[in-house]
Protein backbone atom coordinates (compact mmCIF):
# COMPACT_ATOMS: atom_id res chain seq x y z
CA MET A 1 -18.26 1.91 -71.65
CA ARG A 2 -19.98 4.85 -69.93
CA GLN A 3 -21.22 2.47 -67.21
CA ILE A 4 -17.68 1.20 -66.58
CA LEU A 5 -16.32 4.76 -66.42
CA GLY A 6 -19.09 5.69 -64.02
CA ILE A 7 -18.20 2.77 -61.72
CA LEU A 8 -14.51 3.72 -61.86
CA ALA A 9 -15.38 7.31 -61.00
CA MET A 10 -17.40 6.17 -58.00
CA LEU A 11 -14.55 3.96 -56.81
CA LEU A 12 -12.04 6.78 -57.17
CA ALA A 13 -14.35 9.17 -55.33
CA GLY A 14 -14.69 6.68 -52.51
CA PHE A 15 -10.93 6.22 -52.33
CA ALA A 16 -10.43 9.99 -52.26
CA ALA A 17 -12.86 10.24 -49.37
CA VAL A 18 -10.89 7.88 -47.14
CA ALA A 19 -7.33 8.44 -48.36
CA PRO A 20 -6.74 11.88 -46.82
CA ALA A 21 -7.54 10.63 -43.31
CA SER A 22 -4.90 7.92 -43.54
CA ALA A 23 -2.45 10.26 -45.26
CA GLU A 24 -2.71 12.76 -42.41
CA ILE A 25 -0.62 10.48 -40.17
CA LYS A 26 2.89 11.74 -40.74
CA GLY A 27 5.55 9.03 -40.72
CA ASP A 28 5.09 5.31 -40.32
CA ALA A 29 3.19 5.20 -36.99
CA VAL A 30 1.43 7.04 -34.20
CA ARG A 31 3.87 7.14 -31.29
CA ILE A 32 2.98 7.46 -27.62
CA GLY A 33 5.60 7.84 -24.90
CA VAL A 34 5.17 6.87 -21.24
CA LEU A 35 7.57 9.07 -19.28
CA ASN A 36 7.64 8.45 -15.53
CA ASP A 37 9.53 7.14 -12.52
CA GLN A 38 10.18 3.48 -13.31
CA SER A 39 12.40 2.60 -10.35
CA GLY A 40 12.32 5.34 -7.69
CA PRO A 41 9.96 6.65 -5.01
CA TYR A 42 7.03 7.08 -7.42
CA ALA A 43 7.41 3.80 -9.31
CA ASP A 44 4.42 2.17 -7.61
CA LEU A 45 2.00 4.98 -8.35
CA GLY A 46 3.01 5.18 -12.02
CA GLY A 47 6.00 3.14 -13.14
CA PRO A 48 5.61 -0.18 -14.96
CA GLY A 49 1.90 -0.22 -14.11
CA SER A 50 1.33 2.79 -16.36
CA VAL A 51 3.11 1.00 -19.20
CA VAL A 52 0.82 -2.00 -18.79
CA ALA A 53 -2.26 0.24 -18.75
CA ALA A 54 -1.03 2.08 -21.85
CA GLN A 55 -0.46 -1.16 -23.76
CA MET A 56 -3.90 -2.41 -22.72
CA ALA A 57 -5.45 0.72 -24.23
CA ILE A 58 -3.51 0.32 -27.46
CA ASP A 59 -4.38 -3.37 -27.73
CA ASP A 60 -8.06 -2.76 -26.98
CA PHE A 61 -8.13 -0.10 -29.70
CA GLY A 62 -6.83 -2.68 -32.16
CA GLY A 63 -3.17 -1.67 -32.34
CA SER A 64 -3.59 0.84 -35.18
CA VAL A 65 -5.38 4.06 -36.02
CA LEU A 66 -6.14 5.50 -39.48
CA GLY A 67 -4.27 2.57 -40.97
CA LYS A 68 -1.03 3.21 -39.09
CA PRO A 69 0.37 1.13 -36.19
CA ILE A 70 0.46 2.59 -32.67
CA LYS A 71 3.89 2.32 -31.08
CA LEU A 72 4.67 2.70 -27.38
CA LEU A 73 7.93 4.13 -26.02
CA VAL A 74 8.94 4.02 -22.35
CA ALA A 75 11.55 5.98 -20.38
CA ASP A 76 12.55 6.59 -16.76
CA HIS A 77 13.18 10.26 -15.94
CA GLN A 78 14.73 9.32 -12.55
CA ASN A 79 12.91 12.32 -11.01
CA LYS A 80 15.48 14.64 -12.59
CA ALA A 81 14.06 17.56 -14.54
CA ASP A 82 17.03 17.76 -16.92
CA VAL A 83 16.79 14.04 -17.71
CA GLY A 84 13.04 14.20 -18.26
CA LEU A 85 13.30 17.27 -20.48
CA SER A 86 16.11 15.70 -22.51
CA ILE A 87 14.06 12.56 -23.13
CA ALA A 88 11.01 14.61 -24.11
CA ARG A 89 13.07 16.75 -26.51
CA GLN A 90 14.42 13.60 -28.19
CA TRP A 91 10.97 12.05 -28.37
CA TYR A 92 9.15 15.10 -29.73
CA GLY A 93 11.99 15.76 -32.18
CA PRO A 94 13.97 12.98 -33.91
CA ASP A 95 11.79 10.13 -32.56
CA HIS A 96 8.53 11.69 -33.82
CA VAL A 97 6.51 10.94 -30.68
CA ASP A 98 3.03 12.48 -30.96
CA MET A 99 2.02 12.40 -27.29
CA ILE A 100 3.76 11.89 -23.94
CA ILE A 101 1.77 10.70 -20.92
CA ASP A 102 1.96 10.11 -17.14
CA PHE A 103 5.03 11.98 -15.67
CA THR A 104 4.57 11.25 -11.88
CA ASN A 105 6.73 14.31 -11.08
CA SER A 106 5.16 17.78 -11.29
CA ALA A 107 8.44 19.65 -11.84
CA ILE A 108 9.16 17.49 -14.89
CA ALA A 109 5.55 17.77 -16.05
CA LEU A 110 5.69 21.57 -15.97
CA ALA A 111 8.98 21.61 -17.89
CA VAL A 112 7.70 19.20 -20.55
CA GLN A 113 4.42 21.10 -20.84
CA ALA A 114 6.34 24.20 -21.92
CA LEU A 115 8.35 22.13 -24.40
CA ALA A 116 5.20 20.49 -25.79
CA LYS A 117 3.72 23.91 -26.51
CA GLU A 118 6.94 24.97 -28.24
CA GLN A 119 7.01 21.79 -30.34
CA ASP A 120 3.22 21.75 -30.95
CA LYS A 121 2.97 18.29 -29.41
CA LEU A 122 0.61 16.88 -26.81
CA ALA A 123 1.31 16.07 -23.14
CA ILE A 124 -1.26 14.35 -20.90
CA PHE A 125 -0.77 14.31 -17.12
CA THR A 126 -2.21 11.33 -15.25
CA SER A 127 -0.07 11.33 -12.10
CA ALA A 128 1.59 14.76 -11.93
CA SER A 129 -0.80 16.80 -9.82
CA SER A 130 0.39 20.40 -9.57
CA SER A 131 -2.65 22.65 -10.00
CA ASP A 132 -0.44 25.02 -12.01
CA LEU A 133 -0.60 22.61 -14.97
CA THR A 134 -4.14 23.77 -15.67
CA GLY A 135 -3.74 27.07 -13.82
CA PRO A 136 -1.16 29.80 -14.49
CA ALA A 137 1.06 27.41 -16.50
CA CYS A 138 -1.74 25.99 -18.67
CA THR A 139 -1.16 25.55 -22.40
CA PRO A 140 -3.31 24.49 -25.37
CA THR A 141 -1.22 21.32 -25.74
CA GLY A 142 -1.25 20.03 -22.14
CA ILE A 143 -4.20 18.14 -20.63
CA ALA A 144 -4.49 17.09 -16.97
CA TRP A 145 -6.53 13.90 -16.82
CA THR A 146 -6.93 12.64 -13.25
CA HIS A 147 -6.55 14.53 -9.97
CA ASN A 148 -4.88 17.79 -9.09
CA ASN A 149 -3.74 19.24 -5.79
CA TRP A 150 -6.72 21.55 -5.33
CA SER A 151 -9.12 18.66 -5.79
CA ASN A 152 -7.10 16.34 -3.55
CA ALA A 153 -6.89 18.82 -0.70
CA VAL A 154 -10.22 20.61 -0.58
CA ALA A 155 -12.79 17.86 0.09
CA PRO A 156 -10.79 16.17 2.91
CA ILE A 157 -10.08 19.54 4.55
CA ARG A 158 -13.76 20.47 4.43
CA ALA A 159 -14.64 17.16 6.07
CA LEU A 160 -11.96 17.56 8.75
CA MET A 161 -12.94 21.15 9.53
CA LYS A 162 -16.53 20.02 10.13
CA GLN A 163 -15.16 17.59 12.72
CA GLY A 164 -13.35 20.40 14.58
CA TYR A 165 -9.87 19.88 13.11
CA ASP A 166 -9.10 23.56 12.58
CA SER A 167 -5.31 23.90 12.97
CA TYR A 168 -2.68 22.39 10.67
CA PHE A 169 1.06 21.85 10.28
CA PHE A 170 2.47 20.83 6.88
CA LEU A 171 5.29 18.39 6.20
CA THR A 172 5.91 19.13 2.54
CA ALA A 173 7.97 17.65 -0.31
CA ASP A 174 10.34 20.40 -1.42
CA TYR A 175 9.51 20.69 -5.11
CA ALA A 176 6.64 21.85 -7.35
CA PHE A 177 4.12 19.18 -6.32
CA GLY A 178 4.48 19.63 -2.57
CA LYS A 179 4.54 23.42 -2.71
CA SER A 180 1.42 23.47 -4.88
CA LEU A 181 -0.39 21.03 -2.58
CA GLU A 182 0.48 23.06 0.53
CA ALA A 183 -0.62 26.29 -1.14
CA ASP A 184 -3.98 24.86 -2.25
CA ALA A 185 -4.65 23.32 1.15
CA THR A 186 -3.62 26.47 3.01
CA ALA A 187 -5.96 28.61 0.94
CA GLU A 188 -8.93 26.37 1.80
CA ILE A 189 -8.02 26.16 5.50
CA THR A 190 -7.79 29.95 5.68
CA ARG A 191 -11.05 30.41 3.76
CA LEU A 192 -12.85 28.16 6.25
CA GLY A 193 -11.45 30.03 9.25
CA GLY A 194 -8.77 27.50 10.22
CA ALA A 195 -5.15 28.19 11.15
CA VAL A 196 -1.84 26.97 9.72
CA LYS A 197 0.64 26.63 12.59
CA GLY A 198 3.65 26.20 10.34
CA SER A 199 5.33 24.00 7.76
CA VAL A 200 8.63 22.31 7.02
CA ARG A 201 9.96 21.04 3.71
CA HIS A 202 11.92 17.87 3.07
CA PRO A 203 13.93 16.72 0.03
CA LEU A 204 12.47 14.19 -2.39
CA ASN A 205 13.16 10.57 -1.40
CA THR A 206 13.98 11.31 2.26
CA ALA A 207 14.84 8.39 4.54
CA ASP A 208 14.83 10.06 7.97
CA PHE A 209 11.90 12.34 8.84
CA SER A 210 12.69 12.65 12.56
CA SER A 211 13.71 16.33 12.60
CA PHE A 212 10.71 17.31 10.48
CA LEU A 213 8.28 15.32 12.64
CA LEU A 214 9.66 16.88 15.82
CA GLN A 215 8.77 20.31 14.42
CA ALA A 216 5.28 19.08 13.59
CA GLN A 217 4.92 17.66 17.10
CA GLY A 218 6.06 20.91 18.68
CA SER A 219 3.64 23.02 16.67
CA GLY A 220 0.61 21.98 18.70
CA ALA A 221 -1.47 21.73 15.50
CA LYS A 222 -4.43 19.38 15.64
CA VAL A 223 -3.57 18.00 12.19
CA VAL A 224 -0.19 17.09 10.70
CA MET A 225 -0.76 17.11 6.97
CA LEU A 226 1.74 15.21 4.81
CA ALA A 227 2.03 17.11 1.54
CA ASN A 228 4.10 14.41 -0.11
CA ALA A 229 3.52 11.16 -1.99
CA GLY A 230 4.84 7.71 -2.82
CA ALA A 231 7.77 6.42 -0.78
CA ASP A 232 8.05 9.75 1.07
CA LEU A 233 4.44 9.50 2.22
CA ILE A 234 4.86 5.91 3.35
CA GLY A 235 8.09 6.68 5.23
CA SER A 236 6.81 9.82 6.95
CA LEU A 237 3.52 8.19 7.97
CA LYS A 238 5.24 5.16 9.45
CA GLN A 239 7.76 7.28 11.33
CA ALA A 240 4.97 9.53 12.63
CA GLY A 241 3.47 6.42 14.22
CA GLU A 242 6.81 5.46 15.72
CA PHE A 243 7.19 8.96 17.20
CA GLY A 244 3.79 8.65 18.86
CA ILE A 245 2.44 11.74 17.14
CA SER A 246 -0.98 10.14 16.80
CA PRO A 247 -3.45 9.95 18.47
CA LYS A 248 -2.46 13.28 20.07
CA GLN A 249 -2.38 14.82 16.61
CA LEU A 250 -4.24 13.58 13.55
CA VAL A 251 -1.78 12.61 10.82
CA THR A 252 -3.32 12.67 7.36
CA ALA A 253 -2.37 13.06 3.71
CA PRO A 254 -4.34 14.40 0.74
CA VAL A 255 -2.46 12.35 -1.89
CA VAL A 256 -2.64 8.63 -1.17
CA TYR A 257 -2.64 5.93 -3.83
CA LEU A 258 -3.96 2.40 -3.51
CA SER A 259 -0.38 1.16 -3.87
CA ASP A 260 0.61 3.31 -0.87
CA VAL A 261 -2.07 1.66 1.27
CA ASN A 262 -0.91 -1.75 0.08
CA SER A 263 2.71 -0.94 0.98
CA MET A 264 1.85 0.46 4.42
CA GLY A 265 -0.76 -2.15 5.30
CA LEU A 266 -4.16 -1.41 6.81
CA LYS A 267 -2.79 -1.32 10.35
CA GLU A 268 -0.66 1.73 9.50
CA ALA A 269 -3.01 3.39 7.00
CA GLN A 270 -6.40 2.80 8.64
CA GLY A 271 -8.59 5.86 9.02
CA LEU A 272 -6.86 8.02 6.41
CA LEU A 273 -9.35 10.27 4.63
CA LEU A 274 -8.46 10.67 0.98
CA MET A 275 -9.72 11.51 -2.47
CA GLN A 276 -9.70 9.00 -5.31
CA SER A 277 -10.42 9.53 -8.98
CA TRP A 278 -11.27 5.86 -9.46
CA TYR A 279 -11.37 2.70 -7.37
CA TRP A 280 -11.08 -0.81 -8.71
CA ASP A 281 -13.90 -2.24 -6.53
CA THR A 282 -16.58 0.32 -7.44
CA ASP A 283 -18.74 -1.73 -9.82
CA ASP A 284 -18.71 -4.70 -12.21
CA LYS A 285 -17.10 -2.62 -14.98
CA THR A 286 -14.18 -1.42 -12.85
CA ARG A 287 -13.68 -4.88 -11.35
CA ALA A 288 -13.57 -6.51 -14.80
CA TRP A 289 -10.91 -4.07 -16.06
CA ALA A 290 -8.93 -4.38 -12.83
CA LYS A 291 -8.99 -8.17 -13.13
CA ARG A 292 -7.43 -7.94 -16.59
CA TYR A 293 -4.76 -5.57 -15.25
CA PHE A 294 -4.11 -7.81 -12.25
CA ALA A 295 -3.46 -10.75 -14.58
CA LYS A 296 -0.55 -8.79 -16.07
CA MET A 297 0.81 -7.05 -12.93
CA ASN A 298 -0.24 -9.31 -10.04
CA ARG A 299 -1.54 -6.23 -8.22
CA MET A 300 -4.57 -3.99 -8.49
CA PRO A 301 -4.33 -0.70 -10.43
CA ASN A 302 -4.27 2.81 -8.98
CA ASP A 303 -6.59 5.52 -10.22
CA SER A 304 -3.60 6.88 -12.16
CA HIS A 305 -3.20 3.59 -14.02
CA ALA A 306 -6.88 3.63 -14.95
CA GLY A 307 -6.37 7.25 -16.01
CA VAL A 308 -3.59 6.27 -18.42
CA TYR A 309 -5.89 3.70 -20.03
CA SER A 310 -8.72 6.23 -20.29
CA ALA A 311 -6.60 9.09 -21.65
CA ILE A 312 -4.93 7.00 -24.35
CA THR A 313 -8.25 5.49 -25.41
CA HIS A 314 -9.83 8.95 -25.69
CA TYR A 315 -6.77 10.28 -27.52
CA LEU A 316 -6.92 7.50 -30.12
CA LYS A 317 -10.65 8.02 -30.61
CA ALA A 318 -9.93 11.71 -31.20
CA ILE A 319 -7.33 10.89 -33.87
CA GLN A 320 -9.90 8.67 -35.57
CA LYS A 321 -12.51 11.44 -35.39
CA ALA A 322 -10.16 14.22 -36.52
CA GLY A 323 -8.68 12.17 -39.33
CA THR A 324 -5.18 13.24 -38.30
CA ALA A 325 -2.67 12.97 -35.46
CA ASP A 326 -1.85 16.69 -35.64
CA THR A 327 -2.10 18.21 -32.18
CA ASP A 328 -4.62 21.05 -32.62
CA PRO A 329 -7.41 19.08 -34.30
CA VAL A 330 -6.87 16.14 -31.96
CA VAL A 331 -7.14 18.34 -28.85
CA ALA A 332 -10.27 19.94 -30.33
CA ALA A 333 -11.80 16.51 -30.89
CA MET A 334 -10.87 15.40 -27.36
CA LYS A 335 -12.54 18.48 -25.88
CA ALA A 336 -15.63 18.14 -28.05
CA THR A 337 -16.26 14.53 -27.01
CA PRO A 338 -17.47 13.51 -23.52
CA VAL A 339 -15.33 10.93 -21.75
CA GLU A 340 -17.40 7.82 -21.09
CA ASP A 341 -15.36 4.75 -20.22
CA VAL A 342 -14.17 2.55 -17.36
CA PHE A 343 -12.59 5.58 -15.68
CA THR A 344 -15.63 7.84 -15.62
CA ALA A 345 -19.17 7.78 -16.96
CA HIS A 346 -19.36 11.53 -17.55
CA GLY A 347 -16.06 13.34 -17.96
CA GLU A 348 -15.59 16.68 -19.69
CA ILE A 349 -12.44 18.61 -20.59
CA GLN A 350 -12.78 22.23 -19.43
CA SER A 351 -11.47 25.31 -21.22
CA ASN A 352 -8.29 25.16 -19.08
CA ASN A 353 -7.65 21.61 -20.37
CA LYS A 354 -8.57 19.90 -17.09
CA LEU A 355 -10.73 16.78 -17.30
CA VAL A 356 -13.44 17.06 -14.65
CA PHE A 357 -15.58 14.23 -13.31
CA ASP A 358 -17.20 13.04 -10.09
CA ARG A 359 -14.60 11.98 -7.51
CA LEU A 360 -14.70 9.75 -4.44
CA LEU A 361 -13.99 10.82 -0.87
CA MET A 362 -12.82 7.59 0.76
CA ARG A 363 -11.60 6.22 4.07
CA VAL A 364 -8.98 3.51 4.52
CA LYS A 365 -10.58 0.51 6.20
CA LYS A 366 -9.55 -1.03 9.49
CA PRO A 367 -7.86 -4.45 9.12
CA GLU A 368 -10.95 -6.25 10.45
CA GLU A 369 -13.18 -4.49 7.89
CA SER A 370 -11.30 -5.85 4.89
CA LYS A 371 -13.04 -8.93 3.50
CA TYR A 372 -10.75 -9.98 0.63
CA PRO A 373 -7.38 -9.07 -0.96
CA TRP A 374 -7.11 -5.39 -1.98
CA ASP A 375 -10.36 -4.53 -0.17
CA TYR A 376 -8.83 -1.39 1.30
CA LEU A 377 -11.14 1.58 0.81
CA GLU A 378 -14.66 2.57 1.81
CA LYS A 379 -16.60 5.35 0.08
CA VAL A 380 -17.55 8.24 2.36
CA ALA A 381 -19.13 10.41 -0.33
CA THR A 382 -19.28 11.05 -4.06
CA VAL A 383 -18.05 14.59 -4.77
CA PRO A 384 -19.73 16.01 -7.91
CA ALA A 385 -17.41 17.38 -10.59
CA ALA A 386 -18.53 20.95 -9.97
CA GLU A 387 -17.39 20.67 -6.34
CA ALA A 388 -14.42 18.38 -6.92
CA PHE A 389 -12.60 20.76 -9.26
CA LEU A 390 -12.07 24.50 -9.38
CA ALA A 391 -14.08 26.36 -12.03
CA PRO A 392 -11.75 27.12 -14.97
CA GLU A 393 -12.17 30.89 -14.69
CA LYS A 394 -10.87 30.68 -11.11
CA THR A 395 -7.72 28.68 -11.91
CA GLY A 396 -5.62 31.51 -13.30
CA CYS A 397 -5.36 29.80 -16.69
CA PRO A 398 -5.15 32.46 -19.45
CA MET A 399 -7.21 30.23 -21.75
CA SER A 400 -10.20 30.50 -19.40
CA LYS A 401 -10.35 34.27 -18.99
């Protein structure tokens, strides 16, 4: 009888050891929301592709964590801050979403980051790139995963300045992302002894850039820098060619996605110097993942799409490690664990909640240099993490003081 009681006690002790971890998941599931532009100017850089990448991460993890299913929600914020904030409030509240990811729009990302802190929920930014997210506006519950404006601007500007391109004019998207990008780029140009000849700001989703480009042309700057992205970048770059701005002035852009190059074509995009967080054709590992993605989307992934996959995978591993989906212990587990996956071999989340990793300075190939479909980019240099991102104590983030 004593032997039987001893066995029962051991079984109960074992059950008690594993039960709390499963019980820590509140509700019937772990819920992840992809909030981005599904149909507008930023749909290619995030959009449905981010949803596919998110589902791939969930499926590869096995579809459940701590015994509870992982559910994916999707919404289109239409690049309207009030719409995005309303969706996030519904998700974090009645819908019990644990984490929201992607965003594509920095103004919406900044608004949701404040809400996430208030609600003690997690937000992960894979395509919103305002440096303020991990700078003055940083919070314990917001993590920036891929690029940011400082990182996107600094390495290309350094390379251009070395080539004698020392005067700039900015054509800037008139909202948080564009303003942040212009500010970061201007600071580096000034630090290196260059000059900013002026700037002009355009509304999001502009069709006609003629008046803005005429101001850029009249500035006499050696470089016209397009501080915009997505459809705005594609439209302004194409119209700059039609106006004959280049080759008299170099037209370049710090924020260029693979999907942008595909939309423009190599003839239009050739020669652009840009930063990438990840490129599908880097090695066998990236090519294998990209092939799986291509089978679902019929197009190659951006670095932001790979970032969604990486961030969700790391997030789910952190839940497993923490034994709960509660925000504070999950963030602590994410920060305590190096990021080693298809996105990066050695990523680390800094004290300001910015993931840092080696980045790629790349050049868009000439049409005759491309050997096969989606062979668009050539590596110029690998930029080590310490040079690719601002040290946390220099970002203005209160958490890093």
